PDB file of all heavy atoms in Angstrom:
ATOM      1  N   PRO A   1     137.810 174.206 131.629  1.00  0.00           N
ATOM      2  CA  PRO A   1     137.329 174.289 133.015  1.00  0.00           C
ATOM      3  C   PRO A   1     136.639 173.020 133.459  1.00  0.00           C
ATOM      4  O   PRO A   1     136.201 172.190 132.645  1.00  0.00           O
ATOM      5  CB  PRO A   1     136.345 175.471 132.975  1.00  0.00           C
ATOM      6  CG  PRO A   1     136.652 176.220 131.740  1.00  0.00           C
ATOM      7  CD  PRO A   1     137.190 175.240 130.769  1.00  0.00           C
ATOM      8  N   ASP A   2     136.514 172.870 134.778  1.00  0.00           N
ATOM      9  CA  ASP A   2     135.793 171.701 135.318  1.00  0.00           C
ATOM     10  C   ASP A   2     134.383 171.669 134.774  1.00  0.00           C
ATOM     11  O   ASP A   2     133.743 172.683 134.590  1.00  0.00           O
ATOM     12  CB  ASP A   2     135.727 171.798 136.862  1.00  0.00           C
ATOM     13  CG  ASP A   2     137.087 171.511 137.493  1.00  0.00           C
ATOM     14  OD1 ASP A   2     137.942 170.930 136.808  1.00  0.00           O
ATOM     15  OD2 ASP A   2     137.287 171.907 138.665  1.00  0.00           O
ATOM     16  N   GLY A   3     133.898 170.450 134.545  1.00  0.00           N
ATOM     17  CA  GLY A   3     132.535 170.276 134.041  1.00  0.00           C
ATOM     18  C   GLY A   3     132.471 170.061 132.545  1.00  0.00           C
ATOM     19  O   GLY A   3     131.473 169.590 132.006  1.00  0.00           O
ATOM     20  N   TRP A   4     133.531 170.427 131.828  1.00  0.00           N
ATOM     21  CA  TRP A   4     133.582 170.177 130.380  1.00  0.00           C
ATOM     22  C   TRP A   4     134.023 168.723 130.152  1.00  0.00           C
ATOM     23  O   TRP A   4     134.909 168.231 130.847  1.00  0.00           O
ATOM     24  CB  TRP A   4     134.569 171.122 129.693  1.00  0.00           C
ATOM     25  CG  TRP A   4     134.094 172.522 129.542  1.00  0.00           C
ATOM     26  CD1 TRP A   4     133.842 173.419 130.546  1.00  0.00           C
ATOM     27  CD2 TRP A   4     133.832 173.210 128.312  1.00  0.00           C
ATOM     28  NE1 TRP A   4     133.423 174.600 130.012  1.00  0.00           N
ATOM     29  CE2 TRP A   4     133.417 174.516 128.644  1.00  0.00           C
ATOM     30  CE3 TRP A   4     133.922 172.848 126.974  1.00  0.00           C
ATOM     31  CZ2 TRP A   4     133.084 175.447 127.687  1.00  0.00           C
ATOM     32  CZ3 TRP A   4     133.589 173.785 126.004  1.00  0.00           C
ATOM     33  CH2 TRP A   4     133.169 175.069 126.357  1.00  0.00           C
ATOM     34  N   THR A   5     133.392 168.066 129.192  1.00  0.00           N
ATOM     35  CA  THR A   5     133.775 166.708 128.835  1.00  0.00           C
ATOM     36  C   THR A   5     133.879 166.590 127.318  1.00  0.00           C
ATOM     37  O   THR A   5     133.444 167.485 126.576  1.00  0.00           O
ATOM     38  CB  THR A   5     132.746 165.675 129.341  1.00  0.00           C
ATOM     39  OG1 THR A   5     131.463 166.012 128.769  1.00  0.00           O
ATOM     40  CG2 THR A   5     132.640 165.696 130.857  1.00  0.00           C
ATOM     41  N   SER A   6     134.440 165.493 126.874  1.00  0.00           N
ATOM     42  CA  SER A   6     134.537 165.261 125.437  1.00  0.00           C
ATOM     43  C   SER A   6     133.920 163.888 125.153  1.00  0.00           C
ATOM     44  O   SER A   6     134.267 162.924 125.793  1.00  0.00           O
ATOM     45  CB  SER A   6     135.999 165.256 124.993  1.00  0.00           C
ATOM     46  OG  SER A   6     136.084 164.905 123.633  1.00  0.00           O
ATOM     47  N   ASN A   7     133.006 163.867 124.165  1.00  0.00           N
ATOM     48  CA  ASN A   7     132.391 162.562 123.877  1.00  0.00           C
ATOM     49  C   ASN A   7     133.030 161.865 122.671  1.00  0.00           C
ATOM     50  O   ASN A   7     132.696 160.719 122.389  1.00  0.00           O
ATOM     51  CB  ASN A   7     130.876 162.699 123.698  1.00  0.00           C
ATOM     52  CG  ASN A   7     130.469 163.709 122.665  1.00  0.00           C
ATOM     53  OD1 ASN A   7     131.324 164.308 121.984  1.00  0.00           O
ATOM     54  ND2 ASN A   7     129.192 163.929 122.503  1.00  0.00           N
ATOM     55  N   TYR A   8     133.916 162.539 121.946  1.00  0.00           N
ATOM     56  CA  TYR A   8     134.699 161.837 120.941  1.00  0.00           C
ATOM     57  C   TYR A   8     135.904 162.686 120.547  1.00  0.00           C
ATOM     58  O   TYR A   8     135.919 163.911 120.687  1.00  0.00           O
ATOM     59  CB  TYR A   8     133.869 161.507 119.685  1.00  0.00           C
ATOM     60  CG  TYR A   8     133.505 162.705 118.817  1.00  0.00           C
ATOM     61  CD1 TYR A   8     134.368 163.163 117.818  1.00  0.00           C
ATOM     62  CD2 TYR A   8     132.296 163.363 118.979  1.00  0.00           C
ATOM     63  CE1 TYR A   8     134.011 164.247 117.023  1.00  0.00           C
ATOM     64  CE2 TYR A   8     131.957 164.440 118.204  1.00  0.00           C
ATOM     65  CZ  TYR A   8     132.811 164.883 117.205  1.00  0.00           C
ATOM     66  OH  TYR A   8     132.487 165.975 116.427  1.00  0.00           O
ATOM     67  N   ALA A   9     136.915 162.022 120.062  1.00  0.00           N
ATOM     68  CA  ALA A   9     138.121 162.665 119.517  1.00  0.00           C
ATOM     69  C   ALA A   9     138.650 161.698 118.475  1.00  0.00           C
ATOM     70  O   ALA A   9     138.808 160.527 118.752  1.00  0.00           O
ATOM     71  CB  ALA A   9     139.172 162.930 120.597  1.00  0.00           C
ATOM     72  N   ARG A  10     138.921 162.208 117.273  1.00  0.00           N
ATOM     73  CA  ARG A  10     139.353 161.279 116.205  1.00  0.00           C
ATOM     74  C   ARG A  10     140.154 162.003 115.128  1.00  0.00           C
ATOM     75  O   ARG A  10     139.998 163.186 114.875  1.00  0.00           O
ATOM     76  CB  ARG A  10     138.149 160.608 115.571  1.00  0.00           C
ATOM     77  CG  ARG A  10     137.176 161.572 114.912  1.00  0.00           C
ATOM     78  CD  ARG A  10     135.961 160.878 114.329  1.00  0.00           C
ATOM     79  NE  ARG A  10     134.926 161.834 113.934  1.00  0.00           N
ATOM     80  CZ  ARG A  10     133.695 161.807 114.333  1.00  0.00           C
ATOM     81  NH1 ARG A  10     133.273 160.863 115.148  1.00  0.00           N
ATOM     82  NH2 ARG A  10     132.827 162.714 113.906  1.00  0.00           N
ATOM     83  N   TRP A  11     141.007 161.223 114.495  1.00  0.00           N
ATOM     84  CA  TRP A  11     141.767 161.669 113.342  1.00  0.00           C
ATOM     85  C   TRP A  11     141.091 161.147 112.079  1.00  0.00           C
ATOM     86  O   TRP A  11     140.813 159.954 111.977  1.00  0.00           O
ATOM     87  CB  TRP A  11     143.196 161.191 113.406  1.00  0.00           C
ATOM     88  CG  TRP A  11     143.985 161.458 112.154  1.00  0.00           C
ATOM     89  CD1 TRP A  11     144.378 160.557 111.218  1.00  0.00           C
ATOM     90  CD2 TRP A  11     144.400 162.749 111.702  1.00  0.00           C
ATOM     91  NE1 TRP A  11     145.039 161.206 110.193  1.00  0.00           N
ATOM     92  CE2 TRP A  11     145.062 162.542 110.464  1.00  0.00           C
ATOM     93  CE3 TRP A  11     144.290 164.046 112.182  1.00  0.00           C
ATOM     94  CZ2 TRP A  11     145.612 163.604 109.714  1.00  0.00           C
ATOM     95  CZ3 TRP A  11     144.841 165.099 111.459  1.00  0.00           C
ATOM     96  CH2 TRP A  11     145.493 164.870 110.235  1.00  0.00           C
ATOM     97  N   ASP A  12     140.773 162.053 111.176  1.00  0.00           N
ATOM     98  CA  ASP A  12     140.160 161.668 109.888  1.00  0.00           C
ATOM     99  C   ASP A  12     141.196 161.942 108.787  1.00  0.00           C
ATOM    100  O   ASP A  12     141.600 163.098 108.584  1.00  0.00           O
ATOM    101  CB  ASP A  12     138.889 162.514 109.662  1.00  0.00           C
ATOM    102  CG  ASP A  12     138.187 162.186 108.330  1.00  0.00           C
ATOM    103  OD1 ASP A  12     138.795 161.543 107.478  1.00  0.00           O
ATOM    104  OD2 ASP A  12     137.039 162.638 108.170  1.00  0.00           O
ATOM    105  N   SER A  13     141.614 160.908 108.116  1.00  0.00           N
ATOM    106  CA  SER A  13     142.685 161.033 107.120  1.00  0.00           C
ATOM    107  C   SER A  13     142.262 161.763 105.882  1.00  0.00           C
ATOM    108  O   SER A  13     143.089 162.024 104.986  1.00  0.00           O
ATOM    109  CB  SER A  13     143.237 159.651 106.771  1.00  0.00           C
ATOM    110  OG  SER A  13     142.200 158.867 106.216  1.00  0.00           O
ATOM    111  N   GLY A  14     140.991 162.124 105.752  1.00  0.00           N
ATOM    112  CA  GLY A  14     140.524 162.927 104.629  1.00  0.00           C
ATOM    113  C   GLY A  14     140.245 162.131 103.362  1.00  0.00           C
ATOM    114  O   GLY A  14     140.248 162.692 102.265  1.00  0.00           O
ATOM    115  N   VAL A  15     139.976 160.852 103.519  1.00  0.00           N
ATOM    116  CA  VAL A  15     139.689 159.998 102.340  1.00  0.00           C
ATOM    117  C   VAL A  15     138.476 160.560 101.577  1.00  0.00           C
ATOM    118  O   VAL A  15     138.480 160.623 100.342  1.00  0.00           O
ATOM    119  CB  VAL A  15     139.401 158.535 102.770  1.00  0.00           C
ATOM    120  CG1 VAL A  15     138.937 157.710 101.592  1.00  0.00           C
ATOM    121  CG2 VAL A  15     140.680 157.932 103.368  1.00  0.00           C
ATOM    122  N   ASN A  16     137.448 160.982 102.274  1.00  0.00           N
ATOM    123  CA  ASN A  16     136.226 161.479 101.611  1.00  0.00           C
ATOM    124  C   ASN A  16     136.325 162.950 101.237  1.00  0.00           C
ATOM    125  O   ASN A  16     135.892 163.327 100.144  1.00  0.00           O
ATOM    126  CB  ASN A  16     135.015 161.259 102.510  1.00  0.00           C
ATOM    127  CG  ASN A  16     134.715 159.798 102.732  1.00  0.00           C
ATOM    128  OD1 ASN A  16     134.906 158.977 101.817  1.00  0.00           O
ATOM    129  ND2 ASN A  16     134.288 159.417 103.921  1.00  0.00           N
ATOM    130  N   SER A  17     136.873 163.757 102.112  1.00  0.00           N
ATOM    131  CA  SER A  17     136.888 165.217 101.867  1.00  0.00           C
ATOM    132  C   SER A  17     138.133 165.690 101.143  1.00  0.00           C
ATOM    133  O   SER A  17     138.128 166.779 100.571  1.00  0.00           O
ATOM    134  CB  SER A  17     136.770 165.952 103.210  1.00  0.00           C
ATOM    135  OG  SER A  17     137.934 165.732 103.980  1.00  0.00           O
ATOM    136  N   GLY A  18     139.186 164.892 101.184  1.00  0.00           N
ATOM    137  CA  GLY A  18     140.452 165.333 100.588  1.00  0.00           C
ATOM    138  C   GLY A  18     141.272 166.199 101.529  1.00  0.00           C
ATOM    139  O   GLY A  18     142.362 166.633 101.190  1.00  0.00           O
ATOM    140  N   VAL A  19     140.721 166.464 102.731  1.00  0.00           N
ATOM    141  CA  VAL A  19     141.419 167.292 103.711  1.00  0.00           C
ATOM    142  C   VAL A  19     141.499 166.525 105.031  1.00  0.00           C
ATOM    143  O   VAL A  19     140.464 166.263 105.650  1.00  0.00           O
ATOM    144  CB  VAL A  19     140.685 168.643 103.936  1.00  0.00           C
ATOM    145  CG1 VAL A  19     141.376 169.466 105.013  1.00  0.00           C
ATOM    146  CG2 VAL A  19     140.614 169.433 102.646  1.00  0.00           C
ATOM    147  N   PRO A  20     142.698 166.116 105.460  1.00  0.00           N
ATOM    148  CA  PRO A  20     142.815 165.419 106.744  1.00  0.00           C
ATOM    149  C   PRO A  20     142.531 166.365 107.904  1.00  0.00           C
ATOM    150  O   PRO A  20     143.014 167.516 107.900  1.00  0.00           O
ATOM    151  CB  PRO A  20     144.260 164.909 106.745  1.00  0.00           C
ATOM    152  CG  PRO A  20     144.972 165.739 105.744  1.00  0.00           C
ATOM    153  CD  PRO A  20     143.972 166.263 104.760  1.00  0.00           C
ATOM    154  N   VAL A  21     141.754 165.895 108.868  1.00  0.00           N
ATOM    155  CA  VAL A  21     141.360 166.785 109.973  1.00  0.00           C
ATOM    156  C   VAL A  21     141.415 166.046 111.322  1.00  0.00           C
ATOM    157  O   VAL A  21     141.281 164.837 111.397  1.00  0.00           O
ATOM    158  CB  VAL A  21     139.944 167.352 109.786  1.00  0.00           C
ATOM    159  CG1 VAL A  21     139.849 168.224 108.568  1.00  0.00           C
ATOM    160  CG2 VAL A  21     138.903 166.245 109.725  1.00  0.00           C
ATOM    161  N   TRP A  22     141.569 166.833 112.353  1.00  0.00           N
ATOM    162  CA  TRP A  22     141.433 166.396 113.756  1.00  0.00           C
ATOM    163  C   TRP A  22     140.119 166.952 114.245  1.00  0.00           C
ATOM    164  O   TRP A  22     139.831 168.140 114.088  1.00  0.00           O
ATOM    165  CB  TRP A  22     142.600 166.956 114.560  1.00  0.00           C
ATOM    166  CG  TRP A  22     142.483 166.822 116.057  1.00  0.00           C
ATOM    167  CD1 TRP A  22     142.335 167.842 116.964  1.00  0.00           C
ATOM    168  CD2 TRP A  22     142.508 165.615 116.833  1.00  0.00           C
ATOM    169  NE1 TRP A  22     142.293 167.343 118.238  1.00  0.00           N
ATOM    170  CE2 TRP A  22     142.390 165.986 118.180  1.00  0.00           C
ATOM    171  CE3 TRP A  22     142.602 164.265 116.499  1.00  0.00           C
ATOM    172  CZ2 TRP A  22     142.345 165.042 119.220  1.00  0.00           C
ATOM    173  CZ3 TRP A  22     142.600 163.343 117.540  1.00  0.00           C
ATOM    174  CH2 TRP A  22     142.474 163.721 118.868  1.00  0.00           C
ATOM    175  N   GLU A  23     139.284 166.081 114.839  1.00  0.00           N
ATOM    176  CA  GLU A  23     137.965 166.492 115.313  1.00  0.00           C
ATOM    177  C   GLU A  23     137.775 166.079 116.762  1.00  0.00           C
ATOM    178  O   GLU A  23     138.143 164.965 117.147  1.00  0.00           O
ATOM    179  CB  GLU A  23     136.867 165.836 114.485  1.00  0.00           C
ATOM    180  CG  GLU A  23     136.808 166.245 113.050  1.00  0.00           C
ATOM    181  CD  GLU A  23     135.712 165.510 112.281  1.00  0.00           C
ATOM    182  OE1 GLU A  23     135.563 164.284 112.496  1.00  0.00           O
ATOM    183  OE2 GLU A  23     135.013 166.184 111.517  1.00  0.00           O
ATOM    184  N   VAL A  24     137.151 166.985 117.526  1.00  0.00           N
ATOM    185  CA  VAL A  24     136.833 166.693 118.916  1.00  0.00           C
ATOM    186  C   VAL A  24     135.422 167.246 119.190  1.00  0.00           C
ATOM    187  O   VAL A  24     135.105 168.364 118.761  1.00  0.00           O
ATOM    188  CB  VAL A  24     137.829 167.326 119.924  1.00  0.00           C
ATOM    189  CG1 VAL A  24     137.510 166.897 121.333  1.00  0.00           C
ATOM    190  CG2 VAL A  24     139.276 166.983 119.546  1.00  0.00           C
TER     191      VAL A  24
END
């Protein structure tokens, strides 16, 4: 809805966690 914003969006290949993730 209007008024929502996103301050980051990134792809993490999982080098540290072992699990690749999409984060927003």
